[in-house]
Amino acid sequence: MQVDSFPMPLSESTYFILLSLASGPKHGYAVLKDTSELSAGRISLSVSTLYTALGRLQEQQLIERVEPLAEEPAPGLPRKVYRLTRPGQKAPDAEVQRLKKLLSAYRQQLGTESA
């Protein structure tokens, strides 16, 4: 299913990557660390998996590359910095709303509020 030009449902790793970038632009390694922290260690992406996901998110126009800040010197190759696009900003909220609807249907069907 597509909502507002982004694919739904979001995978768990995609959700946490977008959530990581919701606080502002980050380079890939910061996203990698952040996804692990935000998911309480449930998401542990390899570097290649992360950059494959970031490439896919760029193709879907949920994120875009930006120039790193000049005051952030980094040894070696220049860091690739990413930020959310407008659709990327909406995607985590849309996923939360989708999950709330699933939970509501569950509660309605089973007549319980403790789920």
C-alpha atoms as a PDB file:
ATOM      1  CA  MET A   1       0.000   0.000   0.000  1.00  0.00           C
ATOM      2  CA  GLN A   2       1.169   3.562  -0.692  1.00  0.00           C
ATOM      3  CA  VAL A   3       0.270   6.576   1.420  1.00  0.00           C
ATOM      4  CA  ASP A   4       1.267  10.083   0.334  1.00  0.00           C
ATOM      5  CA  SER A   5       3.857   8.667  -2.092  1.00  0.00           C
ATOM      6  CA  PHE A   6       5.670   6.454   0.387  1.00  0.00           C
ATOM      7  CA  PRO A   7       5.336   2.701   0.788  1.00  0.00           C
ATOM      8  CA  MET A   8       3.374   1.345   3.713  1.00  0.00           C
ATOM      9  CA  PRO A   9       3.865  -0.478   5.929  1.00  0.00           C
ATOM     10  CA  LEU A  10       7.365   0.636   6.824  1.00  0.00           C
ATOM     11  CA  SER A  11       9.809  -2.051   7.828  1.00  0.00           C
ATOM     12  CA  GLU A  12      11.044  -1.760  11.380  1.00  0.00           C
ATOM     13  CA  SER A  13      14.550  -0.787  10.260  1.00  0.00           C
ATOM     14  CA  THR A  14      13.163   1.847   7.860  1.00  0.00           C
ATOM     15  CA  TYR A  15      10.993   3.261  10.632  1.00  0.00           C
ATOM     16  CA  PHE A  16      13.981   3.609  12.967  1.00  0.00           C
ATOM     17  CA  ILE A  17      16.200   5.121  10.255  1.00  0.00           C
ATOM     18  CA  LEU A  18      13.541   7.760   9.559  1.00  0.00           C
ATOM     19  CA  LEU A  19      13.018   8.294  13.285  1.00  0.00           C
ATOM     20  CA  SER A  20      16.763   8.815  13.691  1.00  0.00           C
ATOM     21  CA  LEU A  21      16.748  11.507  11.011  1.00  0.00           C
ATOM     22  CA  ALA A  22      13.663  13.196  12.505  1.00  0.00           C
ATOM     23  CA  SER A  23      15.897  15.034  14.967  1.00  0.00           C
ATOM     24  CA  GLY A  24      17.979  16.529  12.155  1.00  0.00           C
ATOM     25  CA  PRO A  25      20.546  15.684   9.474  1.00  0.00           C
ATOM     26  CA  LYS A  26      23.013  12.933  10.335  1.00  0.00           C
ATOM     27  CA  HIS A  27      25.851  11.078   8.685  1.00  0.00           C
ATOM     28  CA  GLY A  28      25.520   7.357   8.101  1.00  0.00           C
ATOM     29  CA  TYR A  29      27.477   6.188  11.141  1.00  0.00           C
ATOM     30  CA  ALA A  30      25.376   8.405  13.438  1.00  0.00           C
ATOM     31  CA  VAL A  31      22.210   6.911  11.901  1.00  0.00           C
ATOM     32  CA  LEU A  32      23.639   3.417  12.452  1.00  0.00           C
ATOM     33  CA  LYS A  33      24.278   4.086  16.156  1.00  0.00           C
ATOM     34  CA  ASP A  34      21.005   5.929  16.617  1.00  0.00           C
ATOM     35  CA  THR A  35      18.852   3.151  15.148  1.00  0.00           C
ATOM     36  CA  SER A  36      20.369   0.694  17.589  1.00  0.00           C
ATOM     37  CA  GLU A  37      19.777   3.029  20.547  1.00  0.00           C
ATOM     38  CA  LEU A  38      16.235   4.006  19.516  1.00  0.00           C
ATOM     39  CA  SER A  39      15.267   0.362  19.051  1.00  0.00           C
ATOM     40  CA  ALA A  40      16.822  -0.664  22.383  1.00  0.00           C
ATOM     41  CA  GLY A  41      19.286  -2.871  20.495  1.00  0.00           C
ATOM     42  CA  ARG A  42      16.656  -4.728  18.428  1.00  0.00           C
ATOM     43  CA  ILE A  43      17.891  -3.168  15.189  1.00  0.00           C
ATOM     44  CA  SER A  44      21.569  -3.774  14.520  1.00  0.00           C
ATOM     45  CA  LEU A  45      22.327  -2.830  10.932  1.00  0.00           C
ATOM     46  CA  SER A  46      25.545  -3.634   9.143  1.00  0.00           C
ATOM     47  CA  VAL A  47      27.150  -0.768   7.240  1.00  0.00           C
ATOM     48  CA  SER A  48      26.238  -2.317   3.886  1.00  0.00           C
ATOM     49  CA  THR A  49      22.620  -2.878   4.960  1.00  0.00           C
ATOM     50  CA  LEU A  50      22.381   0.697   6.197  1.00  0.00           C
ATOM     51  CA  TYR A  51      23.705   2.213   2.968  1.00  0.00           C
ATOM     52  CA  THR A  52      21.453  -0.044   0.884  1.00  0.00           C
ATOM     53  CA  ALA A  53      18.482   1.175   2.946  1.00  0.00           C
ATOM     54  CA  LEU A  54      19.606   4.806   2.675  1.00  0.00           C
ATOM     55  CA  GLY A  55      19.874   4.429  -1.109  1.00  0.00           C
ATOM     56  CA  ARG A  56      16.379   2.951  -1.278  1.00  0.00           C
ATOM     57  CA  LEU A  57      15.007   5.757   0.896  1.00  0.00           C
ATOM     58  CA  GLN A  58      16.631   8.292  -1.436  1.00  0.00           C
ATOM     59  CA  GLU A  59      15.008   6.601  -4.450  1.00  0.00           C
ATOM     60  CA  GLN A  60      11.656   6.764  -2.644  1.00  0.00           C
ATOM     61  CA  GLN A  61      12.365  10.455  -1.952  1.00  0.00           C
ATOM     62  CA  LEU A  62      11.960  10.030   1.796  1.00  0.00           C
ATOM     63  CA  ILE A  63      15.495  11.300   2.462  1.00  0.00           C
ATOM     64  CA  GLU A  64      18.074  13.346   0.607  1.00  0.00           C
ATOM     65  CA  ARG A  65      21.813  13.869   0.849  1.00  0.00           C
ATOM     66  CA  VAL A  66      23.021  17.247   2.028  1.00  0.00           C
ATOM     67  CA  GLU A  67      26.419  18.836   2.376  1.00  0.00           C
ATOM     68  CA  PRO A  68      28.059  18.236   5.761  1.00  0.00           C
ATOM     69  CA  LEU A  69      28.532  21.284   7.937  1.00  0.00           C
ATOM     70  CA  ALA A  70      31.931  22.901   7.439  1.00  0.00           C
ATOM     71  CA  GLU A  71      32.604  22.841  11.179  1.00  0.00           C
ATOM     72  CA  GLU A  72      32.408  19.026  11.240  1.00  0.00           C
ATOM     73  CA  PRO A  73      35.852  17.929  10.076  1.00  0.00           C
ATOM     74  CA  ALA A  74      36.194  14.206   9.560  1.00  0.00           C
ATOM     75  CA  PRO A  75      39.325  12.241   8.772  1.00  0.00           C
ATOM     76  CA  GLY A  76      39.364  10.289   5.522  1.00  0.00           C
ATOM     77  CA  LEU A  77      36.570  10.436   2.986  1.00  0.00           C
ATOM     78  CA  PRO A  78      33.888  13.119   3.311  1.00  0.00           C
ATOM     79  CA  ARG A  79      30.881  11.937   5.286  1.00  0.00           C
ATOM     80  CA  LYS A  80      27.556  11.417   3.578  1.00  0.00           C
ATOM     81  CA  VAL A  81      24.918  13.371   5.466  1.00  0.00           C
ATOM     82  CA  TYR A  82      21.197  12.714   5.084  1.00  0.00           C
ATOM     83  CA  ARG A  83      18.006  14.505   6.077  1.00  0.00           C
ATOM     84  CA  LEU A  84      14.313  13.829   5.782  1.00  0.00           C
ATOM     85  CA  THR A  85      12.299  15.239   2.893  1.00  0.00           C
ATOM     86  CA  ARG A  86       8.699  16.400   3.457  1.00  0.00           C
ATOM     87  CA  PRO A  87       7.295  12.947   2.665  1.00  0.00           C
ATOM     88  CA  GLY A  88       9.989  11.455   4.909  1.00  0.00           C
ATOM     89  CA  GLN A  89       8.848  13.670   7.758  1.00  0.00           C
ATOM     90  CA  LYS A  90       5.286  12.336   7.372  1.00  0.00           C
ATOM     91  CA  ALA A  91       6.153   8.648   7.023  1.00  0.00           C
ATOM     92  CA  PRO A  92       6.832   7.783  10.709  1.00  0.00           C
ATOM     93  CA  ASP A  93       3.568   9.438  11.795  1.00  0.00           C
ATOM     94  CA  ALA A  94       1.653   7.589   9.077  1.00  0.00           C
ATOM     95  CA  GLU A  95       3.175   4.311  10.281  1.00  0.00           C
ATOM     96  CA  VAL A  96       2.180   5.060  13.883  1.00  0.00           C
ATOM     97  CA  GLN A  97      -1.395   5.812  12.751  1.00  0.00           C
ATOM     98  CA  ARG A  98      -1.468   2.547  10.775  1.00  0.00           C
ATOM     99  CA  LEU A  99      -0.321   0.601  13.828  1.00  0.00           C
ATOM    100  CA  LYS A 100      -2.884   2.344  16.045  1.00  0.00           C
ATOM    101  CA  LYS A 101      -5.634   1.215  13.664  1.00  0.00           C
ATOM    102  CA  LEU A 102      -4.368  -2.361  13.876  1.00  0.00           C
ATOM    103  CA  LEU A 103      -4.319  -2.180  17.670  1.00  0.00           C
ATOM    104  CA  SER A 104      -7.804  -0.688  17.727  1.00  0.00           C
ATOM    105  CA  ALA A 105      -9.145  -3.518  15.540  1.00  0.00           C
ATOM    106  CA  TYR A 106      -7.449  -6.046  17.825  1.00  0.00           C
ATOM    107  CA  ARG A 107      -8.989  -4.504  20.924  1.00  0.00           C
ATOM    108  CA  GLN A 108     -12.395  -4.240  19.305  1.00  0.00           C
ATOM    109  CA  GLN A 109     -12.357  -7.847  18.170  1.00  0.00           C
ATOM    110  CA  LEU A 110     -11.138  -9.257  21.475  1.00  0.00           C
ATOM    111  CA  GLY A 111     -12.981  -6.788  23.691  1.00  0.00           C
ATOM    112  CA  THR A 112      -9.884  -5.905  25.648  1.00  0.00           C
ATOM    113  CA  GLU A 113      -8.057  -2.720  26.537  1.00  0.00           C
ATOM    114  CA  SER A 114      -4.969  -4.417  27.968  1.00  0.00           C
ATOM    115  CA  ALA A 115      -3.244  -5.145  24.647  1.00  0.00           C
END
